[in-house]
Amino acid sequence: THLSAEAASSSSMLYLVGLGLGDQKDITLRGLEAVRACHTVYLEAYTSLLSLGLDPQALSVLEELYGRPVVLADRELVEQGVEQILEEARTVDVAFLVVGDPFGATTHSDLVLRAMKMGVKVEVIHNASVMNAVGACGLQLYRFGETVSIPFFTDTWRPDSFYNKIKANRSLGLHTLCLLGGYCRYQSEGAIT
């Protein structure tokens, strides 16, 4: 998918690259070519994680494959400091790596909309995501209702907003894909949404 803003005046590009579901080898050839050609490579590290993790050794595996340093983009950078990434993409090619498919989270859709509003050209390179890989469990994709996110509970915080969606799916005879969240991704309970 190639999305471009009319106001974009340079040939620089923001590439949103899906990494697939497993490890560093699941990137597509097109995605790998784009990443290797970019000046800066960000790895979005809060909506999902690659199986190899985020420790320095795991990052060095990615950097060796990509031939570029990899900058971790945590929740704060992705949600509040994204203008830094977009400003950079006005003048040089920037890759924004996402586990799964770039449009598997609303955060990434928002990034594309902001980029277009700022006149930054965007190219999306899709990959497998949990939304289609769930078919491997033998259930028909056409029989899934609304997907829900279930955050891990704490002693003082136990949301139940997902329950009614699961109940509604069940009443319609539909399966529910439940995405499990991780408290460790958030800086404080007040930041959990």
N, C-alpha and C. Protein backbone atom coordinates (compact mmCIF):
# COMPACT_ATOMS: atom_id res chain seq x y z
N THR A 1 0.85 -1.17 0.00
CA THR A 1 0.00 0.00 0.00
C THR A 1 0.89 1.23 0.00
N HIS A 2 0.66 2.11 -0.93
CA HIS A 2 1.43 3.35 -1.00
C HIS A 2 0.48 4.50 -0.75
N LEU A 3 0.71 5.26 0.31
CA LEU A 3 -0.10 6.41 0.66
C LEU A 3 0.78 7.64 0.58
N SER A 4 0.36 8.65 -0.14
CA SER A 4 1.18 9.85 -0.20
C SER A 4 0.31 11.06 0.01
N ALA A 5 0.86 12.07 0.65
CA ALA A 5 0.17 13.32 0.86
C ALA A 5 0.51 14.27 -0.28
N GLU A 6 -0.47 15.05 -0.74
CA GLU A 6 -0.24 15.96 -1.85
C GLU A 6 0.85 16.97 -1.53
N ALA A 7 0.92 17.35 -0.26
CA ALA A 7 1.86 18.40 0.12
C ALA A 7 3.30 17.90 0.23
N ALA A 8 3.52 16.60 0.16
CA ALA A 8 4.88 16.09 0.30
C ALA A 8 5.74 16.58 -0.86
N SER A 9 6.82 17.26 -0.51
CA SER A 9 7.62 17.86 -1.57
C SER A 9 8.94 17.14 -1.80
N SER A 10 9.36 16.31 -0.89
CA SER A 10 10.64 15.63 -1.08
C SER A 10 10.40 14.18 -1.46
N SER A 11 11.46 13.49 -1.76
CA SER A 11 11.32 12.07 -2.11
C SER A 11 11.50 11.17 -0.89
N SER A 12 11.66 11.78 0.28
CA SER A 12 11.82 10.96 1.49
C SER A 12 10.50 10.28 1.83
N MET A 13 10.59 9.23 2.64
CA MET A 13 9.43 8.38 2.88
C MET A 13 9.46 7.84 4.31
N LEU A 14 8.27 7.70 4.89
CA LEU A 14 8.09 6.95 6.13
C LEU A 14 7.57 5.58 5.73
N TYR A 15 8.34 4.55 6.04
CA TYR A 15 7.93 3.18 5.75
C TYR A 15 7.40 2.55 7.04
N LEU A 16 6.16 2.09 7.02
CA LEU A 16 5.63 1.27 8.10
C LEU A 16 5.78 -0.17 7.64
N VAL A 17 6.63 -0.92 8.33
CA VAL A 17 6.99 -2.26 7.89
C VAL A 17 6.52 -3.29 8.90
N GLY A 18 5.65 -4.19 8.44
CA GLY A 18 5.22 -5.30 9.27
C GLY A 18 6.32 -6.34 9.36
N LEU A 19 6.54 -6.85 10.56
CA LEU A 19 7.61 -7.83 10.78
C LEU A 19 7.11 -9.26 10.87
N GLY A 20 5.81 -9.46 10.81
CA GLY A 20 5.27 -10.81 10.98
C GLY A 20 5.20 -11.18 12.44
N LEU A 21 5.08 -12.47 12.71
CA LEU A 21 4.76 -12.91 14.07
C LEU A 21 5.87 -13.63 14.82
N GLY A 22 6.90 -14.06 14.14
CA GLY A 22 7.88 -14.90 14.81
C GLY A 22 9.12 -14.17 15.25
N ASP A 23 10.13 -14.21 14.39
CA ASP A 23 11.41 -13.61 14.74
C ASP A 23 11.89 -12.74 13.59
N GLN A 24 13.17 -12.44 13.58
CA GLN A 24 13.74 -11.53 12.59
C GLN A 24 13.60 -12.04 11.15
N LYS A 25 13.40 -13.33 10.97
CA LYS A 25 13.34 -13.91 9.62
C LYS A 25 11.98 -13.76 8.96
N ASP A 26 10.98 -13.26 9.67
CA ASP A 26 9.64 -13.15 9.10
C ASP A 26 9.40 -11.86 8.31
N ILE A 27 10.34 -10.95 8.30
CA ILE A 27 10.18 -9.73 7.50
C ILE A 27 10.10 -10.12 6.02
N THR A 28 9.29 -9.41 5.23
CA THR A 28 9.22 -9.71 3.80
C THR A 28 10.46 -9.18 3.10
N LEU A 29 10.72 -9.68 1.90
CA LEU A 29 11.86 -9.16 1.12
C LEU A 29 11.69 -7.68 0.83
N ARG A 30 10.47 -7.28 0.47
CA ARG A 30 10.22 -5.86 0.21
C ARG A 30 10.46 -5.02 1.46
N GLY A 31 10.03 -5.54 2.61
CA GLY A 31 10.25 -4.84 3.86
C GLY A 31 11.73 -4.72 4.19
N LEU A 32 12.48 -5.80 3.98
CA LEU A 32 13.91 -5.80 4.25
C LEU A 32 14.64 -4.81 3.35
N GLU A 33 14.27 -4.77 2.08
CA GLU A 33 14.89 -3.80 1.16
C GLU A 33 14.62 -2.37 1.61
N ALA A 34 13.40 -2.09 2.03
CA ALA A 34 13.06 -0.74 2.49
C ALA A 34 13.86 -0.39 3.74
N VAL A 35 13.92 -1.30 4.70
CA VAL A 35 14.65 -1.04 5.96
C VAL A 35 16.13 -0.77 5.68
N ARG A 36 16.73 -1.57 4.83
CA ARG A 36 18.15 -1.40 4.51
C ARG A 36 18.44 -0.08 3.82
N ALA A 37 17.45 0.49 3.16
CA ALA A 37 17.64 1.75 2.45
C ALA A 37 17.35 2.97 3.33
N CYS A 38 16.83 2.77 4.52
CA CYS A 38 16.44 3.89 5.38
C CYS A 38 17.59 4.45 6.18
N HIS A 39 17.50 5.72 6.46
CA HIS A 39 18.48 6.42 7.29
C HIS A 39 18.32 6.03 8.75
N THR A 40 17.07 5.97 9.22
CA THR A 40 16.79 5.65 10.62
C THR A 40 15.76 4.53 10.67
N VAL A 41 15.93 3.61 11.63
CA VAL A 41 15.03 2.49 11.80
C VAL A 41 14.53 2.48 13.24
N TYR A 42 13.20 2.61 13.41
CA TYR A 42 12.57 2.54 14.72
C TYR A 42 11.86 1.20 14.84
N LEU A 43 11.94 0.57 16.01
CA LEU A 43 11.20 -0.65 16.30
C LEU A 43 10.16 -0.32 17.35
N GLU A 44 8.89 -0.35 16.95
CA GLU A 44 7.80 -0.08 17.89
C GLU A 44 7.78 -1.20 18.91
N ALA A 45 7.88 -0.84 20.18
CA ALA A 45 8.10 -1.86 21.21
C ALA A 45 7.09 -1.79 22.35
N TYR A 46 5.83 -1.46 22.00
CA TYR A 46 4.87 -1.52 23.11
C TYR A 46 3.56 -2.19 22.75
N THR A 47 3.12 -2.21 21.50
CA THR A 47 1.86 -2.90 21.21
C THR A 47 2.07 -4.40 21.07
N SER A 48 3.29 -4.83 20.72
CA SER A 48 3.60 -6.25 20.60
C SER A 48 5.11 -6.43 20.57
N LEU A 49 5.58 -7.64 20.81
CA LEU A 49 7.01 -7.91 20.84
C LEU A 49 7.35 -9.10 19.96
N LEU A 50 8.52 -9.06 19.33
CA LEU A 50 9.03 -10.23 18.61
C LEU A 50 9.43 -11.29 19.62
N SER A 51 9.43 -12.53 19.20
CA SER A 51 9.77 -13.62 20.11
C SER A 51 11.21 -13.56 20.61
N LEU A 52 12.09 -12.88 19.89
CA LEU A 52 13.48 -12.82 20.33
C LEU A 52 13.72 -11.78 21.42
N GLY A 53 12.71 -10.96 21.73
CA GLY A 53 12.81 -10.02 22.83
C GLY A 53 13.40 -8.67 22.45
N LEU A 54 13.73 -7.88 23.49
CA LEU A 54 14.23 -6.53 23.27
C LEU A 54 15.57 -6.26 23.95
N ASP A 55 16.21 -7.30 24.45
CA ASP A 55 17.49 -7.08 25.12
C ASP A 55 18.55 -6.70 24.08
N PRO A 56 19.70 -6.22 24.52
CA PRO A 56 20.75 -5.79 23.58
C PRO A 56 21.16 -6.87 22.58
N GLN A 57 21.20 -8.12 23.01
CA GLN A 57 21.57 -9.21 22.09
C GLN A 57 20.53 -9.36 20.99
N ALA A 58 19.25 -9.28 21.34
CA ALA A 58 18.18 -9.38 20.34
C ALA A 58 18.25 -8.22 19.35
N LEU A 59 18.50 -7.02 19.86
CA LEU A 59 18.61 -5.86 18.97
C LEU A 59 19.80 -6.01 18.04
N SER A 60 20.89 -6.58 18.53
CA SER A 60 22.06 -6.75 17.66
C SER A 60 21.76 -7.74 16.52
N VAL A 61 20.89 -8.73 16.78
CA VAL A 61 20.48 -9.66 15.73
C VAL A 61 19.74 -8.90 14.64
N LEU A 62 18.82 -8.02 15.04
CA LEU A 62 18.08 -7.21 14.07
C LEU A 62 19.01 -6.26 13.33
N GLU A 63 19.89 -5.60 14.05
CA GLU A 63 20.81 -4.64 13.43
C GLU A 63 21.74 -5.31 12.42
N GLU A 64 22.16 -6.53 12.72
CA GLU A 64 23.02 -7.25 11.79
C GLU A 64 22.26 -7.58 10.50
N LEU A 65 21.02 -8.03 10.64
CA LEU A 65 20.21 -8.36 9.47
C LEU A 65 19.89 -7.11 8.64
N TYR A 66 19.55 -6.03 9.32
CA TYR A 66 19.12 -4.81 8.63
C TYR A 66 20.28 -3.95 8.14
N GLY A 67 21.47 -4.14 8.76
CA GLY A 67 22.60 -3.30 8.38
C GLY A 67 22.45 -1.87 8.86
N ARG A 68 21.64 -1.68 9.88
CA ARG A 68 21.35 -0.35 10.42
C ARG A 68 21.15 -0.45 11.93
N PRO A 69 21.47 0.61 12.66
CA PRO A 69 21.10 0.64 14.08
C PRO A 69 19.58 0.66 14.22
N VAL A 70 19.07 0.08 15.29
CA VAL A 70 17.64 0.05 15.55
C VAL A 70 17.36 0.85 16.83
N VAL A 71 16.44 1.80 16.72
CA VAL A 71 16.04 2.64 17.86
C VAL A 71 14.72 2.10 18.39
N LEU A 72 14.68 1.78 19.69
CA LEU A 72 13.43 1.32 20.30
C LEU A 72 12.47 2.48 20.44
N ALA A 73 11.25 2.28 19.99
CA ALA A 73 10.19 3.29 20.12
C ALA A 73 9.20 2.78 21.16
N ASP A 74 9.30 3.31 22.37
CA ASP A 74 8.40 2.89 23.44
C ASP A 74 7.07 3.64 23.33
N ARG A 75 6.16 3.36 24.25
CA ARG A 75 4.82 3.95 24.21
C ARG A 75 4.90 5.47 24.20
N GLU A 76 5.73 6.03 25.04
CA GLU A 76 5.83 7.49 25.13
C GLU A 76 6.25 8.10 23.79
N LEU A 77 7.26 7.53 23.15
CA LEU A 77 7.71 8.06 21.86
C LEU A 77 6.63 7.89 20.79
N VAL A 78 5.98 6.74 20.76
CA VAL A 78 4.99 6.47 19.71
C VAL A 78 3.76 7.35 19.87
N GLU A 79 3.30 7.54 21.10
CA GLU A 79 2.06 8.28 21.30
C GLU A 79 2.26 9.78 21.51
N GLN A 80 3.38 10.17 22.12
CA GLN A 80 3.55 11.58 22.46
C GLN A 80 4.71 12.25 21.72
N GLY A 81 5.68 11.47 21.25
CA GLY A 81 6.83 12.06 20.59
C GLY A 81 6.92 11.72 19.12
N VAL A 82 5.78 11.34 18.55
CA VAL A 82 5.77 10.89 17.16
C VAL A 82 6.17 11.99 16.19
N GLU A 83 5.97 13.24 16.57
CA GLU A 83 6.35 14.34 15.68
C GLU A 83 7.85 14.30 15.37
N GLN A 84 8.65 13.84 16.32
CA GLN A 84 10.10 13.70 16.11
C GLN A 84 10.36 12.75 14.94
N ILE A 85 9.66 11.62 14.91
CA ILE A 85 9.82 10.65 13.83
C ILE A 85 9.34 11.24 12.51
N LEU A 86 8.20 11.91 12.54
CA LEU A 86 7.62 12.47 11.33
C LEU A 86 8.45 13.62 10.78
N GLU A 87 8.99 14.45 11.65
CA GLU A 87 9.86 15.54 11.19
C GLU A 87 11.08 14.98 10.48
N GLU A 88 11.64 13.93 11.04
CA GLU A 88 12.80 13.29 10.42
C GLU A 88 12.44 12.72 9.05
N ALA A 89 11.24 12.14 8.94
CA ALA A 89 10.81 11.53 7.68
C ALA A 89 10.51 12.56 6.59
N ARG A 90 10.49 13.82 6.95
CA ARG A 90 10.33 14.88 5.93
C ARG A 90 11.58 15.00 5.06
N THR A 91 12.74 14.62 5.65
CA THR A 91 14.00 14.87 4.94
C THR A 91 14.79 13.61 4.60
N VAL A 92 14.55 12.52 5.33
CA VAL A 92 15.25 11.26 5.06
C VAL A 92 14.27 10.10 5.16
N ASP A 93 14.62 8.98 4.57
CA ASP A 93 13.78 7.78 4.68
C ASP A 93 13.87 7.21 6.09
N VAL A 94 12.72 6.91 6.66
CA VAL A 94 12.62 6.39 8.02
C VAL A 94 11.76 5.13 7.99
N ALA A 95 12.23 4.08 8.65
CA ALA A 95 11.44 2.85 8.79
C ALA A 95 10.87 2.78 10.20
N PHE A 96 9.60 2.43 10.28
CA PHE A 96 8.92 2.23 11.55
C PHE A 96 8.46 0.78 11.55
N LEU A 97 9.15 -0.07 12.31
CA LEU A 97 8.90 -1.52 12.30
C LEU A 97 7.83 -1.88 13.32
N VAL A 98 6.91 -2.73 12.88
CA VAL A 98 5.78 -3.12 13.72
C VAL A 98 5.67 -4.64 13.70
N VAL A 99 5.59 -5.26 14.87
CA VAL A 99 5.37 -6.70 14.95
C VAL A 99 3.98 -6.99 14.40
N GLY A 100 3.87 -8.00 13.56
CA GLY A 100 2.60 -8.30 12.91
C GLY A 100 2.44 -7.44 11.68
N ASP A 101 1.25 -6.86 11.53
CA ASP A 101 0.95 -5.98 10.41
C ASP A 101 0.82 -4.54 10.92
N PRO A 102 1.28 -3.56 10.15
CA PRO A 102 1.21 -2.18 10.62
C PRO A 102 -0.18 -1.70 11.03
N PHE A 103 -1.23 -2.24 10.42
CA PHE A 103 -2.56 -1.78 10.77
C PHE A 103 -3.26 -2.69 11.77
N GLY A 104 -2.48 -3.45 12.53
CA GLY A 104 -3.03 -4.30 13.58
C GLY A 104 -3.36 -3.52 14.85
N ALA A 105 -2.93 -2.27 14.95
CA ALA A 105 -3.22 -1.44 16.12
C ALA A 105 -3.61 -0.04 15.66
N THR A 106 -4.58 0.55 16.36
CA THR A 106 -5.04 1.89 15.99
C THR A 106 -3.93 2.93 16.10
N THR A 107 -2.95 2.68 16.96
CA THR A 107 -1.82 3.59 17.11
C THR A 107 -1.12 3.82 15.78
N HIS A 108 -1.00 2.78 14.98
CA HIS A 108 -0.28 2.89 13.71
C HIS A 108 -1.13 3.58 12.65
N SER A 109 -2.44 3.38 12.69
CA SER A 109 -3.33 4.12 11.80
C SER A 109 -3.23 5.61 12.09
N ASP A 110 -3.17 5.94 13.36
CA ASP A 110 -3.02 7.34 13.76
C ASP A 110 -1.70 7.92 13.25
N LEU A 111 -0.65 7.13 13.29
CA LEU A 111 0.65 7.58 12.78
C LEU A 111 0.56 7.93 11.29
N VAL A 112 -0.11 7.10 10.52
CA VAL A 112 -0.27 7.36 9.09
C VAL A 112 -1.06 8.65 8.87
N LEU A 113 -2.15 8.82 9.61
CA LEU A 113 -2.96 10.03 9.45
C LEU A 113 -2.17 11.28 9.81
N ARG A 114 -1.40 11.22 10.88
CA ARG A 114 -0.56 12.37 11.26
C ARG A 114 0.49 12.67 10.20
N ALA A 115 1.08 11.62 9.66
CA ALA A 115 2.10 11.81 8.62
C ALA A 115 1.50 12.50 7.41
N MET A 116 0.35 12.04 6.98
CA MET A 116 -0.28 12.63 5.81
C MET A 116 -0.67 14.09 6.07
N LYS A 117 -1.12 14.37 7.29
CA LYS A 117 -1.48 15.74 7.65
C LYS A 117 -0.25 16.65 7.60
N MET A 118 0.92 16.10 7.93
CA MET A 118 2.16 16.87 7.91
C MET A 118 2.82 16.88 6.53
N GLY A 119 2.23 16.19 5.56
CA GLY A 119 2.79 16.15 4.22
C GLY A 119 3.92 15.15 4.06
N VAL A 120 3.99 14.16 4.93
CA VAL A 120 5.03 13.13 4.86
C VAL A 120 4.49 11.95 4.05
N LYS A 121 5.24 11.53 3.05
CA LYS A 121 4.85 10.36 2.26
C LYS A 121 4.97 9.11 3.12
N VAL A 122 4.03 8.18 2.91
CA VAL A 122 3.99 6.95 3.69
C VAL A 122 3.85 5.76 2.75
N GLU A 123 4.65 4.73 3.00
CA GLU A 123 4.45 3.45 2.32
C GLU A 123 4.31 2.37 3.38
N VAL A 124 3.26 1.58 3.25
CA VAL A 124 2.98 0.51 4.21
C VAL A 124 3.35 -0.82 3.56
N ILE A 125 4.13 -1.61 4.27
CA ILE A 125 4.51 -2.94 3.80
C ILE A 125 3.91 -3.95 4.78
N HIS A 126 2.87 -4.63 4.32
CA HIS A 126 2.09 -5.52 5.18
C HIS A 126 2.81 -6.83 5.46
N ASN A 127 2.32 -7.52 6.49
CA ASN A 127 2.85 -8.82 6.87
C ASN A 127 1.76 -9.57 7.64
N ALA A 128 2.03 -10.81 8.02
CA ALA A 128 1.07 -11.60 8.78
C ALA A 128 0.85 -10.98 10.16
N SER A 129 -0.36 -11.16 10.68
CA SER A 129 -0.66 -10.68 12.03
C SER A 129 -1.49 -11.73 12.76
N VAL A 130 -1.69 -11.52 14.03
CA VAL A 130 -2.49 -12.44 14.82
C VAL A 130 -3.92 -12.47 14.31
N MET A 131 -4.36 -11.38 13.66
CA MET A 131 -5.73 -11.30 13.17
C MET A 131 -6.02 -12.35 12.08
N ASN A 132 -5.02 -12.75 11.32
CA ASN A 132 -5.26 -13.81 10.34
C ASN A 132 -4.59 -15.13 10.76
N ALA A 133 -3.56 -15.08 11.56
CA ALA A 133 -2.89 -16.30 12.00
C ALA A 133 -3.77 -17.12 12.95
N VAL A 134 -4.76 -16.49 13.56
CA VAL A 134 -5.64 -17.21 14.47
C VAL A 134 -6.36 -18.34 13.76
N GLY A 135 -6.45 -18.27 12.43
CA GLY A 135 -7.06 -19.36 11.66
C GLY A 135 -6.32 -20.67 11.82
N ALA A 136 -5.06 -20.62 12.24
CA ALA A 136 -4.27 -21.84 12.43
C ALA A 136 -4.83 -22.72 13.54
N CYS A 137 -5.67 -22.18 14.39
CA CYS A 137 -6.24 -22.98 15.48
C CYS A 137 -7.40 -23.84 15.00
N GLY A 138 -7.78 -23.69 13.72
CA GLY A 138 -8.83 -24.52 13.17
C GLY A 138 -10.20 -23.86 13.13
N LEU A 139 -10.32 -22.69 13.72
CA LEU A 139 -11.60 -21.98 13.69
C LEU A 139 -11.68 -21.12 12.42
N GLN A 140 -12.85 -21.00 11.84
CA GLN A 140 -13.03 -20.23 10.62
C GLN A 140 -12.97 -18.73 10.91
N LEU A 141 -12.16 -18.00 10.16
CA LEU A 141 -12.02 -16.56 10.36
C LEU A 141 -13.35 -15.83 10.23
N TYR A 142 -14.23 -16.32 9.37
CA TYR A 142 -15.52 -15.68 9.15
C TYR A 142 -16.45 -15.80 10.36
N ARG A 143 -16.08 -16.63 11.31
CA ARG A 143 -16.94 -16.84 12.48
C ARG A 143 -16.42 -16.10 13.72
N PHE A 144 -15.53 -15.14 13.53
CA PHE A 144 -15.03 -14.34 14.64
C PHE A 144 -15.81 -13.04 14.73
N GLY A 145 -16.18 -12.68 15.94
CA GLY A 145 -16.83 -11.39 16.17
C GLY A 145 -15.78 -10.35 16.52
N GLU A 146 -16.20 -9.35 17.27
CA GLU A 146 -15.29 -8.27 17.66
C GLU A 146 -14.14 -8.80 18.51
N THR A 147 -12.92 -8.35 18.20
CA THR A 147 -11.73 -8.69 18.97
C THR A 147 -11.70 -7.84 20.23
N VAL A 148 -11.23 -8.41 21.33
CA VAL A 148 -11.15 -7.65 22.58
C VAL A 148 -9.73 -7.69 23.14
N SER A 149 -9.39 -6.67 23.87
CA SER A 149 -8.11 -6.63 24.60
C SER A 149 -8.40 -6.84 26.07
N ILE A 150 -7.65 -7.75 26.68
CA ILE A 150 -7.80 -8.02 28.11
C ILE A 150 -6.48 -7.67 28.78
N PRO A 151 -6.45 -6.58 29.54
CA PRO A 151 -5.20 -6.22 30.22
C PRO A 151 -4.99 -7.12 31.44
N PHE A 152 -3.74 -7.27 31.84
CA PHE A 152 -3.45 -8.00 33.06
C PHE A 152 -3.91 -7.16 34.24
N PHE A 153 -4.52 -7.82 35.20
CA PHE A 153 -5.05 -7.13 36.37
C PHE A 153 -3.94 -6.82 37.36
N THR A 154 -4.22 -5.85 38.21
CA THR A 154 -3.35 -5.57 39.36
C THR A 154 -4.20 -5.75 40.62
N ASP A 155 -3.58 -5.55 41.77
CA ASP A 155 -4.33 -5.67 43.02
C ASP A 155 -5.41 -4.61 43.14
N THR A 156 -5.19 -3.46 42.51
CA THR A 156 -6.13 -2.35 42.65
C THR A 156 -6.88 -2.01 41.37
N TRP A 157 -6.60 -2.72 40.29
CA TRP A 157 -7.22 -2.38 39.00
C TRP A 157 -7.64 -3.66 38.30
N ARG A 158 -8.94 -3.79 38.09
CA ARG A 158 -9.50 -5.01 37.49
C ARG A 158 -10.64 -4.63 36.54
N PRO A 159 -10.28 -4.15 35.35
CA PRO A 159 -11.33 -3.71 34.41
C PRO A 159 -12.12 -4.92 33.88
N ASP A 160 -13.36 -4.64 33.50
CA ASP A 160 -14.19 -5.72 32.95
C ASP A 160 -14.91 -5.29 31.67
N SER A 161 -14.43 -4.23 31.04
CA SER A 161 -15.10 -3.69 29.85
C SER A 161 -15.12 -4.69 28.69
N PHE A 162 -14.21 -5.63 28.67
CA PHE A 162 -14.14 -6.62 27.59
C PHE A 162 -15.25 -7.67 27.70
N TYR A 163 -15.77 -7.87 28.91
CA TYR A 163 -16.70 -8.95 29.16
C TYR A 163 -17.95 -8.85 28.28
N ASN A 164 -18.54 -7.66 28.18
CA ASN A 164 -19.78 -7.50 27.40
C ASN A 164 -19.56 -7.78 25.92
N LYS A 165 -18.38 -7.50 25.41
CA LYS A 165 -18.09 -7.79 24.00
C LYS A 165 -17.99 -9.31 23.78
N ILE A 166 -17.35 -10.01 24.71
CA ILE A 166 -17.28 -11.47 24.61
C ILE A 166 -18.68 -12.07 24.69
N LYS A 167 -19.49 -11.55 25.60
CA LYS A 167 -20.87 -12.04 25.77
C LYS A 167 -21.69 -11.78 24.51
N ALA A 168 -21.52 -10.61 23.90
CA ALA A 168 -22.26 -10.28 22.67
C ALA A 168 -21.84 -11.21 21.53
N ASN A 169 -20.55 -11.46 21.39
CA ASN A 169 -20.08 -12.39 20.36
C ASN A 169 -20.68 -13.78 20.58
N ARG A 170 -20.66 -14.23 21.81
CA ARG A 170 -21.17 -15.57 22.13
C ARG A 170 -22.67 -15.66 21.81
N SER A 171 -23.42 -14.60 22.12
CA SER A 171 -24.86 -14.62 21.85
C SER A 171 -25.16 -14.70 20.35
N LEU A 172 -24.20 -14.25 19.53
CA LEU A 172 -24.35 -14.32 18.07
C LEU A 172 -23.73 -15.60 17.49
N GLY A 173 -23.20 -16.45 18.37
CA GLY A 173 -22.57 -17.69 17.91
C GLY A 173 -21.20 -17.46 17.28
N LEU A 174 -20.52 -16.39 17.69
CA LEU A 174 -19.22 -16.04 17.11
C LEU A 174 -18.09 -16.29 18.10
N HIS A 175 -16.92 -16.59 17.55
CA HIS A 175 -15.71 -16.72 18.37
C HIS A 175 -15.22 -15.33 18.75
N THR A 176 -14.40 -15.27 19.79
CA THR A 176 -13.78 -14.01 20.19
C THR A 176 -12.28 -14.19 20.28
N LEU A 177 -11.55 -13.35 19.55
CA LEU A 177 -10.10 -13.30 19.68
C LEU A 177 -9.78 -12.35 20.83
N CYS A 178 -9.12 -12.86 21.85
CA CYS A 178 -8.77 -12.06 23.02
C CYS A 178 -7.27 -11.76 22.98
N LEU A 179 -6.95 -10.49 22.91
CA LEU A 179 -5.55 -10.06 22.94
C LEU A 179 -5.19 -9.75 24.37
N LEU A 180 -4.17 -10.43 24.88
CA LEU A 180 -3.78 -10.24 26.28
C LEU A 180 -2.75 -9.14 26.38
N GLY A 181 -3.00 -8.18 27.26
CA GLY A 181 -2.10 -7.06 27.46
C GLY A 181 -1.09 -7.39 28.53
N GLY A 182 -0.10 -6.51 28.67
CA GLY A 182 0.93 -6.71 29.67
C GLY A 182 1.16 -5.47 30.48
N TYR A 183 0.98 -5.57 31.77
CA TYR A 183 1.18 -4.42 32.64
C TYR A 183 2.60 -3.87 32.54
N CYS A 184 3.57 -4.74 32.27
CA CYS A 184 4.97 -4.32 32.23
C CYS A 184 5.24 -3.29 31.13
N ARG A 185 4.33 -3.14 30.18
CA ARG A 185 4.54 -2.19 29.09
C ARG A 185 4.23 -0.76 29.50
N TYR A 186 3.60 -0.57 30.65
CA TYR A 186 3.12 0.75 31.04
C TYR A 186 3.91 1.26 32.24
N GLN A 187 4.06 2.57 32.27
CA GLN A 187 4.85 3.17 33.34
C GLN A 187 4.08 3.27 34.65
N SER A 188 2.76 3.39 34.58
CA SER A 188 1.97 3.49 35.79
C SER A 188 0.57 2.97 35.50
N GLU A 189 -0.17 2.61 36.57
CA GLU A 189 -1.51 2.13 36.37
C GLU A 189 -2.38 3.19 35.74
N GLY A 190 -2.13 4.45 36.03
CA GLY A 190 -2.91 5.54 35.47
C GLY A 190 -2.74 5.65 33.97
N ALA A 191 -1.66 5.11 33.42
CA ALA A 191 -1.41 5.19 31.98
C ALA A 191 -2.04 4.04 31.22
N ILE A 192 -2.55 3.04 31.94
CA ILE A 192 -3.13 1.87 31.29
C ILE A 192 -4.49 2.23 30.76
N THR A 193 -4.73 1.90 29.49
CA THR A 193 -6.04 2.17 28.90
C THR A 193 -6.62 0.92 28.32
